[in-house]
Amino acid sequence: MENKLTQWPDDPPTSTRRLRLVAEAASDYWDLPVEELMAKTRTNAVVWPRSVCMWIARDMGHSYPSIGKWWGKDHGTVIYAEQLVNDLKRTKPAYDKQFRQFVLFYKNRVRRVEKK
């Protein structure tokens, strides 16, 4: 039996449903198409929402590589995004406020989706 299980990885596949939901919530909140959030765009208006999504994904327990893969980015981009969000939240109160508002927006949206 043990021999048959060697083809299986140690960790089962993770669901990307929550990653999709957070991206859709960010799209609505910041009024940006999901495709633009997923693009290679590096303007602050896109990098900030995308970074917040990546931060939330890390908080949900997703790995850097899995988040990067879903977003079409390198895992290093996810590490940078997490640091950027932490730095902006710590040093710029308006970013911290918007971050907290988006988290509430996202959580309320997920509750509505899960009730259906």
Protein backbone atom coordinates (compact mmCIF):
# COMPACT_ATOMS: atom_id res chain seq x y z
CA MET A 1 0.00 0.00 0.00
CA GLU A 2 2.83 2.41 0.91
CA ASN A 3 4.33 2.05 -2.57
CA LYS A 4 1.11 3.16 -4.24
CA LEU A 5 1.06 6.38 -2.21
CA THR A 6 4.48 7.67 -3.30
CA GLN A 7 2.95 9.44 -6.31
CA TRP A 8 0.90 11.62 -3.96
CA PRO A 9 2.43 14.85 -2.62
CA ASP A 10 2.64 15.37 1.14
CA ASP A 11 0.08 18.17 1.03
CA PRO A 12 -3.27 17.95 -0.77
CA PRO A 13 -4.17 20.58 -3.37
CA THR A 14 -5.47 23.83 -1.91
CA SER A 15 -8.66 25.49 -2.98
CA THR A 16 -8.31 28.74 -4.86
CA ARG A 17 -11.94 29.69 -4.19
CA ARG A 18 -11.02 32.16 -1.44
CA LEU A 19 -8.28 33.68 -3.60
CA ARG A 20 -10.85 34.28 -6.33
CA LEU A 21 -13.33 35.75 -3.83
CA VAL A 22 -10.78 38.19 -2.41
CA ALA A 23 -9.78 39.28 -5.93
CA GLU A 24 -13.43 39.81 -6.88
CA ALA A 25 -14.03 41.80 -3.68
CA ALA A 26 -10.97 43.96 -4.43
CA SER A 27 -12.25 44.49 -7.95
CA ASP A 28 -15.54 45.82 -6.59
CA TYR A 29 -13.99 47.81 -3.74
CA TRP A 30 -11.32 49.57 -5.80
CA ASP A 31 -13.37 49.60 -9.03
CA LEU A 32 -10.71 47.75 -11.02
CA PRO A 33 -11.31 44.78 -13.31
CA VAL A 34 -9.91 41.52 -11.93
CA GLU A 35 -7.93 41.23 -15.17
CA GLU A 36 -6.17 44.51 -14.36
CA LEU A 37 -5.38 43.32 -10.84
CA MET A 38 -3.88 40.16 -12.35
CA ALA A 39 -1.92 42.04 -15.06
CA LYS A 40 1.71 43.11 -14.90
CA THR A 41 0.65 46.69 -14.12
CA ARG A 42 2.88 48.32 -11.51
CA THR A 43 1.03 51.54 -10.81
CA ASN A 44 0.30 52.27 -7.16
CA ALA A 45 -3.43 52.21 -7.93
CA VAL A 46 -3.13 48.52 -8.90
CA VAL A 47 -0.18 47.36 -6.76
CA TRP A 48 -1.83 48.40 -3.49
CA PRO A 49 -5.10 46.42 -3.96
CA ARG A 50 -3.22 43.42 -5.39
CA SER A 51 -0.80 43.51 -2.45
CA VAL A 52 -3.67 43.67 0.03
CA CYS A 53 -5.19 40.59 -1.62
CA MET A 54 -1.87 38.75 -1.36
CA TRP A 55 -1.53 39.78 2.30
CA ILE A 56 -5.00 38.42 3.05
CA ALA A 57 -4.17 35.19 1.20
CA ARG A 58 -1.09 34.75 3.42
CA ASP A 59 -3.25 35.42 6.47
CA MET A 60 -5.59 32.64 5.25
CA GLY A 61 -2.64 30.25 5.28
CA HIS A 62 -1.76 30.03 1.59
CA SER A 63 1.93 29.62 0.78
CA TYR A 64 3.97 32.24 -1.08
CA PRO A 65 4.32 29.95 -4.14
CA SER A 66 0.60 29.09 -4.28
CA ILE A 67 -0.40 32.76 -4.06
CA GLY A 68 2.16 33.71 -6.68
CA LYS A 69 0.96 30.96 -8.99
CA TRP A 70 -2.67 32.01 -8.68
CA TRP A 71 -1.83 35.67 -9.37
CA GLY A 72 0.60 34.81 -12.17
CA LYS A 73 3.50 36.23 -10.18
CA ASP A 74 6.71 34.98 -8.62
CA HIS A 75 6.68 34.03 -4.92
CA GLY A 76 9.11 36.92 -4.36
CA THR A 77 6.41 39.32 -5.50
CA VAL A 78 4.13 37.93 -2.79
CA ILE A 79 6.83 38.41 -0.15
CA TYR A 80 7.33 42.01 -1.34
CA ALA A 81 3.55 42.60 -1.32
CA GLU A 82 3.25 41.39 2.26
CA GLN A 83 6.10 43.69 3.36
CA LEU A 84 4.64 46.63 1.43
CA VAL A 85 1.25 46.26 3.10
CA ASN A 86 2.84 45.96 6.55
CA ASP A 87 5.03 49.03 5.94
CA LEU A 88 2.20 51.18 4.56
CA LYS A 89 -0.17 50.16 7.37
CA ARG A 90 2.49 50.99 9.96
CA THR A 91 3.57 54.36 8.54
CA LYS A 92 0.54 55.80 6.73
CA PRO A 93 -2.72 55.87 8.71
CA ALA A 94 -4.90 56.29 5.61
CA TYR A 95 -3.58 53.00 4.20
CA ASP A 96 -4.16 51.23 7.50
CA LYS A 97 -7.72 52.60 7.62
CA GLN A 98 -8.45 51.56 4.03
CA PHE A 99 -6.93 48.11 4.68
CA ARG A 100 -9.22 47.58 7.68
CA GLN A 101 -12.24 48.84 5.72
CA PHE A 102 -11.49 46.47 2.86
CA VAL A 103 -11.10 43.50 5.22
CA LEU A 104 -14.58 44.22 6.60
CA PHE A 105 -15.94 44.66 3.06
CA TYR A 106 -14.40 41.34 2.03
CA LYS A 107 -15.65 39.44 5.10
CA ASN A 108 -19.19 40.75 4.63
CA ARG A 109 -19.09 39.79 0.96
CA VAL A 110 -17.91 36.26 1.79
CA ARG A 111 -20.71 35.88 4.36
CA ARG A 112 -23.28 36.86 1.72
CA VAL A 113 -21.78 34.44 -0.83
CA GLU A 114 -21.71 31.57 1.65
CA LYS A 115 -25.35 32.11 2.67
CA LYS A 116 -26.54 31.51 -0.90
